Amino acid sequence: MNRAAALRLILRTGGISRATLAERLQLAPPSLTRIAGQLLDVGLVRETSTRAERGRPPSLLRINPDWAHVITVNLVHTLGVGVVDLTSRLIYRETLYEKALIPGVYREEFPALVPEAVQRLVKQEMARGRVLGVGVISSGIVSPDGTLVEHLEISQSPVDVRRLLASVTDLPTHVDEEVRLMLWERYWNQDRLLWRNAMAISGDAYGYDGGHAAMVDGHLTYGRVGMAGYAGYLLPHLHGEDFVRDSHARILAMGGFGNYLERIRGGEPEAMDIYGKAVENYGYRLAILAHCYDPEATLVCLPYAQLGERFLFDIRKEFEKHIHPRMAPDARFVLAERSREDQFVAAAVPVLTQFYSDGDIGERVVQQRPEAALAAAAD
């Protein structure tokens, strides 16, 4: 427990002296010396000197980011693999399939492409050092046991990704839903000291689709079938499907979403009409969710994040129309663009969380499955 706590504090600070570490963890000098010695001996932690104006330069304990890596798989409207280091930094990314948002677009290729790529990366990274596990991030519905209950580009029927990858590696594999993992990543890497109850919401240009996830007392919650909470299924909207179809056609006529955003910035009436209704939908959804979860912060993972503070101001105004007046002043919204890089990193967070929680620095050996197993997995 002390070793795990020391690792987390070294990671969180980016570098800390032995004296400060002992003080923060309330450890006696002999205990700190033993723990630091273990971490330095295996190479997980490095001790570096910093410049000082006079006297002996102080030394800081820092995480060695390349001591171990995590293999990640991105199934959020794409098909790709990556490698994340111990400090949650994406150091490698590879696209396996270019097309996206077309039902079943990589259904046939998926059972072979993903295991082959994971096996190749595991072999590559094990030759350099250690691999802690495989993290998979997916759109659609993911059950608590990691099964893809529904995935638009792969299948409408359940897909057991962990079983598929077990054909090529014995590494522990964690599979979860996009919005939940984006919230987990934010909590783990940035705001974990600022809040315990939080919420994340995603969606499209109209205030529909996407979903939400909630963190209660530092723990993520699951929906009944593993849904983060699809807005179209679980929450009412102020504007119906006719608005979505009409707005979709109008945005395409404007030249796509990027041009649509530029027209919003310019205040063009047609763009502002669509934007105004989308903001009403989002503000209403946020108010309903806030009454359910009472979050200290809400992570807004929406395409309108590119509008910055203006978008936050607009949804807050709509949010305050539907929320109890006493709850409105404390509502905190945080913008988060859902970039591909963020998705790969979010996929690795459950594996990194486990590592920094148990403080396991023992040798990790991965047995590779026979090559023939790939063909069986594809079948």
Protein backbone atom coordinates (compact mmCIF):
# COMPACT_ATOMS: atom_id res chain seq x y z
CA MET A 1 0.00 0.00 0.00
CA ASN A 2 2.81 2.42 0.82
CA ARG A 3 4.61 1.62 -2.42
CA ALA A 4 1.43 2.19 -4.44
CA ALA A 5 0.81 5.47 -2.62
CA ALA A 6 4.38 6.56 -3.30
CA LEU A 7 4.03 5.75 -7.00
CA ARG A 8 0.81 7.73 -7.29
CA LEU A 9 2.31 10.75 -5.56
CA ILE A 10 5.46 10.66 -7.70
CA LEU A 11 3.26 10.46 -10.81
CA ARG A 12 0.90 13.20 -9.65
CA THR A 13 3.64 15.70 -8.80
CA GLY A 14 5.81 14.98 -11.82
CA GLY A 15 8.81 14.87 -9.50
CA ILE A 16 9.21 14.97 -5.72
CA SER A 17 12.08 14.91 -3.24
CA ARG A 18 12.52 12.06 -0.80
CA ALA A 19 11.95 14.34 2.16
CA THR A 20 8.70 15.72 0.77
CA LEU A 21 7.53 12.26 -0.23
CA ALA A 22 8.15 10.92 3.28
CA GLU A 23 6.36 13.90 4.80
CA ARG A 24 3.33 13.63 2.48
CA LEU A 25 3.00 9.89 3.10
CA GLN A 26 3.87 10.15 6.81
CA LEU A 27 6.56 7.50 6.43
CA ALA A 28 9.59 7.03 8.67
CA PRO A 29 12.94 7.54 6.87
CA PRO A 30 13.84 3.82 6.89
CA SER A 31 10.50 2.91 5.27
CA LEU A 32 10.88 5.60 2.62
CA THR A 33 14.46 4.50 1.92
CA ARG A 34 13.31 0.90 1.44
CA ILE A 35 10.44 1.83 -0.90
CA ALA A 36 12.51 4.28 -2.94
CA GLY A 37 15.28 1.70 -3.19
CA GLN A 38 12.87 -0.90 -4.59
CA LEU A 39 11.50 1.50 -7.20
CA LEU A 40 14.97 2.68 -8.23
CA ASP A 41 16.40 -0.86 -8.35
CA VAL A 42 13.80 -2.07 -10.88
CA GLY A 43 14.07 1.15 -12.90
CA LEU A 44 10.46 2.21 -12.45
CA VAL A 45 11.59 5.45 -10.83
CA ARG A 46 14.56 7.65 -11.67
CA GLU A 47 16.32 10.10 -9.38
CA THR A 48 17.35 13.32 -11.10
CA SER A 49 19.07 16.44 -9.84
CA THR A 50 17.66 19.93 -10.32
CA ARG A 51 19.60 23.14 -10.50
CA ALA A 52 20.02 25.19 -7.35
CA GLU A 53 21.53 28.62 -6.86
CA ARG A 54 23.88 27.40 -4.19
CA GLY A 55 24.62 24.34 -2.16
CA ARG A 56 23.91 20.78 -3.17
CA PRO A 57 21.27 20.46 -5.91
CA PRO A 58 18.14 18.72 -4.62
CA SER A 59 17.21 15.42 -6.27
CA LEU A 60 13.73 14.44 -7.36
CA LEU A 61 12.10 11.05 -7.82
CA ARG A 62 10.34 10.80 -11.19
CA ILE A 63 8.41 8.04 -12.96
CA ASN A 64 10.31 6.35 -15.79
CA PRO A 65 7.55 6.56 -18.45
CA ASP A 66 9.01 3.78 -20.60
CA TRP A 67 9.36 1.22 -17.81
CA ALA A 68 6.09 -0.28 -19.03
CA HIS A 69 3.47 0.53 -21.65
CA VAL A 70 -0.21 -0.14 -22.30
CA ILE A 71 -1.57 -1.30 -25.66
CA THR A 72 -4.78 0.48 -26.60
CA VAL A 73 -7.51 -0.24 -29.15
CA ASN A 74 -9.85 2.50 -30.41
CA LEU A 75 -13.29 1.41 -31.64
CA VAL A 76 -14.94 4.84 -31.53
CA HIS A 77 -16.16 5.23 -35.11
CA THR A 78 -12.76 4.07 -36.27
CA LEU A 79 -10.41 1.12 -36.02
CA GLY A 80 -6.97 1.82 -34.59
CA VAL A 81 -4.33 0.75 -32.08
CA GLY A 82 -1.85 2.69 -29.99
CA VAL A 83 0.71 2.60 -27.18
CA VAL A 84 0.49 4.71 -24.01
CA ASP A 85 3.31 5.12 -21.49
CA LEU A 86 3.19 5.17 -17.69
CA THR A 87 2.50 8.90 -17.58
CA SER A 88 -0.60 8.62 -19.80
CA ARG A 89 1.20 9.92 -22.88
CA LEU A 90 0.31 8.53 -26.30
CA ILE A 91 3.61 7.51 -27.90
CA TYR A 92 2.34 5.54 -30.90
CA ARG A 93 -0.86 5.49 -32.94
CA GLU A 94 -1.87 3.50 -36.00
CA THR A 95 -5.08 3.53 -38.02
CA LEU A 96 -6.20 0.10 -39.17
CA TYR A 97 -9.28 1.21 -41.08
CA GLU A 98 -9.92 4.71 -42.43
CA LYS A 99 -13.68 4.83 -42.96
CA ALA A 100 -16.11 5.54 -40.14
CA LEU A 101 -19.77 6.16 -39.29
CA ILE A 102 -21.02 3.64 -41.84
CA PRO A 103 -22.95 0.68 -40.36
CA GLY A 104 -20.91 -2.51 -40.60
CA VAL A 105 -18.05 -0.77 -42.41
CA TYR A 106 -15.29 -2.93 -40.89
CA ARG A 107 -17.36 -5.87 -39.71
CA GLU A 108 -15.51 -8.41 -41.85
CA GLU A 109 -12.01 -7.08 -41.16
CA PHE A 110 -12.39 -6.55 -37.41
CA PRO A 111 -11.87 -10.18 -36.18
CA ALA A 112 -8.52 -10.43 -37.95
CA LEU A 113 -7.18 -6.87 -38.00
CA VAL A 114 -7.44 -6.16 -34.26
CA PRO A 115 -5.86 -9.39 -32.88
CA GLU A 116 -3.07 -9.21 -35.45
CA ALA A 117 -2.28 -5.59 -34.58
CA VAL A 118 -2.42 -6.22 -30.81
CA GLN A 119 -0.18 -9.26 -31.10
CA ARG A 120 2.34 -7.27 -33.16
CA LEU A 121 2.42 -4.37 -30.69
CA VAL A 122 2.67 -6.64 -27.65
CA LYS A 123 5.64 -8.43 -29.21
CA GLN A 124 7.24 -5.10 -30.12
CA GLU A 125 6.75 -3.53 -26.68
CA MET A 126 7.76 -6.66 -24.75
CA ALA A 127 11.06 -6.58 -26.61
CA ARG A 128 11.62 -3.08 -25.21
CA GLY A 129 10.33 -3.63 -21.70
CA ARG A 130 7.00 -4.52 -20.13
CA VAL A 131 3.35 -4.36 -21.12
CA LEU A 132 0.78 -3.90 -18.35
CA GLY A 133 -2.32 -4.77 -20.35
CA VAL A 134 -4.66 -3.89 -23.18
CA GLY A 135 -7.27 -1.13 -22.97
CA VAL A 136 -10.17 -0.96 -25.42
CA ILE A 137 -12.43 2.07 -25.88
CA SER A 138 -15.66 1.64 -27.81
CA SER A 139 -18.70 3.57 -28.92
CA GLY A 140 -22.12 1.94 -28.62
CA ILE A 141 -23.19 -0.14 -25.64
CA VAL A 142 -20.59 -1.98 -23.54
CA SER A 143 -21.69 -4.30 -20.74
CA PRO A 144 -19.95 -4.35 -17.33
CA ASP A 145 -18.13 -7.54 -18.35
CA GLY A 146 -16.61 -5.80 -21.38
CA THR A 147 -18.87 -7.23 -24.09
CA LEU A 148 -19.81 -4.96 -26.99
CA VAL A 149 -23.57 -5.30 -26.72
CA GLU A 150 -24.11 -3.02 -29.70
CA HIS A 151 -21.61 -1.39 -32.03
CA LEU A 152 -22.68 0.32 -35.23
CA GLU A 153 -19.59 -0.41 -37.33
CA ILE A 154 -19.06 -3.99 -36.12
CA SER A 155 -22.32 -5.71 -35.33
CA GLN A 156 -25.75 -5.36 -33.78
CA SER A 157 -25.12 -8.58 -31.83
CA PRO A 158 -22.76 -8.99 -28.82
CA VAL A 159 -19.02 -9.16 -29.48
CA ASP A 160 -16.65 -10.39 -26.76
CA VAL A 161 -13.45 -8.44 -27.45
CA ARG A 162 -11.60 -9.90 -24.49
CA ARG A 163 -12.20 -13.41 -25.73
CA LEU A 164 -11.06 -12.39 -29.20
CA LEU A 165 -7.80 -10.94 -27.87
CA ALA A 166 -7.23 -13.92 -25.57
CA SER A 167 -6.38 -15.83 -28.73
CA VAL A 168 -3.16 -13.82 -29.08
CA THR A 169 -2.13 -12.67 -25.60
CA ASP A 170 -2.52 -13.47 -21.91
CA LEU A 171 -2.45 -9.79 -20.97
CA PRO A 172 -5.34 -8.49 -18.88
CA THR A 173 -7.79 -6.62 -21.14
CA HIS A 174 -10.19 -3.88 -20.11
CA VAL A 175 -13.06 -2.91 -22.45
CA ASP A 176 -15.35 0.02 -21.73
CA GLU A 177 -17.58 2.69 -23.24
CA GLU A 178 -16.26 5.97 -24.61
CA VAL A 179 -18.00 8.53 -22.38
CA ARG A 180 -17.27 6.57 -19.21
CA LEU A 181 -13.60 6.30 -20.09
CA MET A 182 -13.32 9.98 -21.03
CA LEU A 183 -14.68 10.84 -17.59
CA TRP A 184 -12.36 8.33 -15.91
CA GLU A 185 -9.36 9.74 -17.81
CA ARG A 186 -10.18 13.27 -16.72
CA TYR A 187 -10.55 12.19 -13.10
CA TRP A 188 -7.33 10.19 -13.15
CA ASN A 189 -5.08 12.66 -14.95
CA GLN A 190 -6.40 16.10 -14.08
CA ASP A 191 -9.24 16.76 -11.67
CA ARG A 192 -9.14 13.90 -9.18
CA LEU A 193 -8.22 16.28 -6.36
CA LEU A 194 -10.96 18.75 -7.24
CA TRP A 195 -14.12 16.66 -7.20
CA ARG A 196 -15.58 13.32 -6.21
CA ASN A 197 -18.98 13.47 -7.92
CA ALA A 198 -18.90 14.28 -11.61
CA MET A 199 -20.70 13.67 -14.86
CA ALA A 200 -19.81 13.56 -18.56
CA ILE A 201 -22.14 14.13 -21.48
CA SER A 202 -21.65 13.60 -25.20
CA GLY A 203 -23.85 14.11 -28.22
CA ASP A 204 -24.17 15.32 -31.78
CA ALA A 205 -24.77 18.66 -33.45
CA TYR A 206 -28.46 18.62 -32.54
CA GLY A 207 -28.33 17.78 -28.82
CA TYR A 208 -29.20 14.13 -29.50
CA ASP A 209 -27.39 10.81 -29.59
CA GLY A 210 -24.23 10.24 -27.53
CA GLY A 211 -24.78 9.54 -23.86
CA HIS A 212 -23.69 10.32 -20.35
CA ALA A 213 -21.67 8.81 -17.54
CA ALA A 214 -21.60 9.56 -13.83
CA MET A 215 -18.95 9.29 -11.14
CA VAL A 216 -20.24 9.02 -7.59
CA ASP A 217 -17.76 9.32 -4.73
CA GLY A 218 -14.89 8.59 -7.10
CA HIS A 219 -16.50 5.48 -8.63
CA LEU A 220 -18.02 5.20 -12.09
CA THR A 221 -21.55 3.85 -12.36
CA TYR A 222 -22.99 1.50 -14.96
CA GLY A 223 -26.38 1.56 -16.59
CA ARG A 224 -28.62 -1.48 -16.58
CA VAL A 225 -27.06 -3.07 -19.69
CA GLY A 226 -23.78 -1.19 -19.62
CA MET A 227 -25.04 1.91 -21.38
CA ALA A 228 -23.42 5.19 -20.50
CA GLY A 229 -26.93 6.45 -21.07
CA TYR A 230 -28.07 7.13 -24.61
CA ALA A 231 -29.91 10.42 -24.67
CA GLY A 232 -32.39 9.28 -27.29
CA TYR A 233 -33.43 6.30 -25.17
CA LEU A 234 -33.28 7.65 -21.64
CA LEU A 235 -33.96 11.38 -21.80
CA PRO A 236 -36.68 13.44 -23.48
CA HIS A 237 -35.86 16.27 -25.86
CA LEU A 238 -37.40 19.62 -26.53
CA HIS A 239 -37.15 19.12 -30.31
CA GLY A 240 -38.05 15.97 -32.21
CA GLU A 241 -36.58 13.78 -34.95
CA ASP A 242 -37.93 16.06 -37.70
CA PHE A 243 -35.60 18.75 -36.37
CA VAL A 244 -32.63 16.35 -36.60
CA ARG A 245 -33.35 15.33 -40.20
CA ASP A 246 -33.96 18.90 -41.32
CA SER A 247 -30.89 20.27 -39.51
CA HIS A 248 -28.67 17.52 -40.87
CA ALA A 249 -29.59 18.44 -44.42
CA ARG A 250 -29.11 22.14 -43.72
CA ILE A 251 -25.65 21.64 -42.18
CA LEU A 252 -24.58 19.56 -45.17
CA ALA A 253 -25.81 22.34 -47.47
CA MET A 254 -23.61 24.78 -45.52
CA GLY A 255 -20.57 22.69 -46.42
CA GLY A 256 -20.30 20.55 -43.30
CA PHE A 257 -19.90 21.01 -39.56
CA GLY A 258 -16.76 23.17 -39.75
CA ASN A 259 -18.45 25.72 -41.99
CA TYR A 260 -21.55 25.54 -39.81
CA LEU A 261 -19.44 26.53 -36.78
CA GLU A 262 -17.94 29.44 -38.69
CA ARG A 263 -21.43 30.65 -39.53
CA ILE A 264 -22.37 30.46 -35.85
CA ARG A 265 -19.35 32.59 -35.01
CA GLY A 266 -20.54 35.04 -37.64
CA GLY A 267 -24.09 35.05 -36.27
CA GLU A 268 -25.77 33.91 -39.51
CA PRO A 269 -29.53 33.38 -38.88
CA GLU A 270 -29.85 29.89 -40.38
CA ALA A 271 -26.89 28.52 -38.42
CA MET A 272 -28.04 30.27 -35.25
CA ASP A 273 -31.50 28.69 -35.60
CA ILE A 274 -30.03 25.16 -35.55
CA TYR A 275 -27.52 26.07 -32.86
CA GLY A 276 -30.19 27.64 -30.63
CA LYS A 277 -32.34 24.50 -30.67
CA ALA A 278 -29.30 22.25 -30.03
CA VAL A 279 -28.37 24.40 -27.03
CA GLU A 280 -31.93 24.07 -25.72
CA ASN A 281 -31.70 20.29 -26.00
CA TYR A 282 -28.34 20.15 -24.24
CA GLY A 283 -29.34 22.54 -21.47
CA TYR A 284 -32.46 20.51 -20.78
CA ARG A 285 -30.53 17.22 -20.72
CA LEU A 286 -27.91 18.68 -18.38
CA ALA A 287 -30.58 19.91 -15.97
CA ILE A 288 -32.27 16.49 -15.79
CA LEU A 289 -28.93 14.75 -15.19
CA ALA A 290 -27.85 17.30 -12.59
CA HIS A 291 -31.01 16.64 -10.58
CA CYS A 292 -30.18 12.91 -10.68
CA TYR A 293 -26.46 13.04 -9.87
CA ASP A 294 -25.83 16.49 -8.32
CA PRO A 295 -22.31 16.62 -9.81
CA GLU A 296 -19.58 18.98 -8.67
CA ALA A 297 -18.41 19.16 -12.28
CA THR A 298 -19.75 18.16 -15.70
CA LEU A 299 -17.39 17.20 -18.51
CA VAL A 300 -18.88 18.44 -21.78
CA CYS A 301 -17.58 16.17 -24.60
CA LEU A 302 -19.44 17.80 -27.49
CA PRO A 303 -18.57 18.97 -31.01
CA TYR A 304 -19.46 22.52 -29.97
CA ALA A 305 -16.46 22.50 -27.62
CA GLN A 306 -14.63 24.28 -30.44
CA LEU A 307 -16.73 27.37 -29.67
CA GLY A 308 -15.11 27.57 -26.25
CA GLU A 309 -16.51 29.73 -23.48
CA ARG A 310 -19.31 31.02 -25.68
CA PHE A 311 -20.85 27.55 -25.84
CA LEU A 312 -20.52 27.09 -22.07
CA PHE A 313 -22.25 30.43 -21.52
CA ASP A 314 -25.11 29.49 -23.85
CA ILE A 315 -25.81 26.05 -22.36
CA ARG A 316 -25.59 27.46 -18.84
CA LYS A 317 -28.33 29.97 -19.64
CA GLU A 318 -30.56 27.17 -20.91
CA PHE A 319 -29.55 24.89 -18.03
CA GLU A 320 -30.63 27.52 -15.48
CA LYS A 321 -34.13 27.61 -16.95
CA HIS A 322 -34.72 24.01 -15.85
CA ILE A 323 -32.62 23.60 -12.71
CA HIS A 324 -33.55 24.50 -9.14
CA PRO A 325 -32.22 28.02 -8.43
CA ARG A 326 -30.17 26.81 -5.46
CA MET A 327 -28.30 24.30 -7.68
CA ALA A 328 -27.50 26.67 -10.54
CA PRO A 329 -24.68 28.75 -8.96
CA ASP A 330 -22.61 25.67 -8.09
CA ALA A 331 -22.84 24.07 -11.55
CA ARG A 332 -19.40 23.76 -13.13
CA PHE A 333 -18.99 22.82 -16.81
CA VAL A 334 -15.66 21.78 -18.31
CA LEU A 335 -15.10 21.56 -22.06
CA ALA A 336 -13.41 18.45 -23.44
CA GLU A 337 -12.85 17.88 -27.14
CA ARG A 338 -13.03 14.20 -28.02
CA SER A 339 -9.87 13.92 -30.11
CA ARG A 340 -8.50 10.59 -31.27
CA GLU A 341 -5.45 11.11 -29.06
CA ASP A 342 -7.68 11.58 -26.01
CA GLN A 343 -9.57 8.40 -26.85
CA PHE A 344 -6.42 6.27 -27.03
CA VAL A 345 -5.21 7.64 -23.70
CA ALA A 346 -8.63 7.13 -22.07
CA ALA A 347 -8.56 3.47 -23.13
CA ALA A 348 -5.33 2.97 -21.16
CA VAL A 349 -6.50 4.59 -17.93
CA PRO A 350 -8.21 1.52 -16.34
CA VAL A 351 -5.00 -0.49 -16.82
CA LEU A 352 -2.84 2.32 -15.42
CA THR A 353 -5.24 2.82 -12.53
CA GLN A 354 -4.90 -0.83 -11.56
CA PHE A 355 -1.12 -0.68 -11.77
CA TYR A 356 -0.82 2.44 -9.60
CA SER A 357 -3.39 1.07 -7.15
CA ASP A 358 -1.73 -2.29 -6.43
CA GLY A 359 1.90 -1.15 -6.74
CA ASP A 360 2.83 -4.41 -8.49
CA ILE A 361 6.42 -4.06 -9.73
CA GLY A 362 7.06 -7.77 -10.23
CA GLU A 363 8.10 -9.23 -13.57
CA ARG A 364 5.18 -9.40 -16.01
CA VAL A 365 5.48 -12.27 -18.49
CA VAL A 366 3.15 -12.54 -21.46
CA GLN A 367 2.81 -15.80 -23.32
CA GLN A 368 1.99 -15.36 -26.99
CA ARG A 369 -0.63 -17.65 -28.46
CA PRO A 370 0.11 -19.72 -31.59
CA GLU A 371 -0.25 -17.87 -34.89
CA ALA A 372 -2.89 -20.36 -35.95
CA ALA A 373 -5.19 -19.02 -33.26
CA LEU A 374 -5.66 -15.85 -35.33
CA ALA A 375 -7.43 -17.79 -38.05
CA ALA A 376 -9.68 -19.45 -35.47
CA ALA A 377 -10.51 -16.06 -33.97
CA ALA A 378 -11.43 -14.70 -37.39
CA ASP A 379 -13.71 -17.68 -38.02
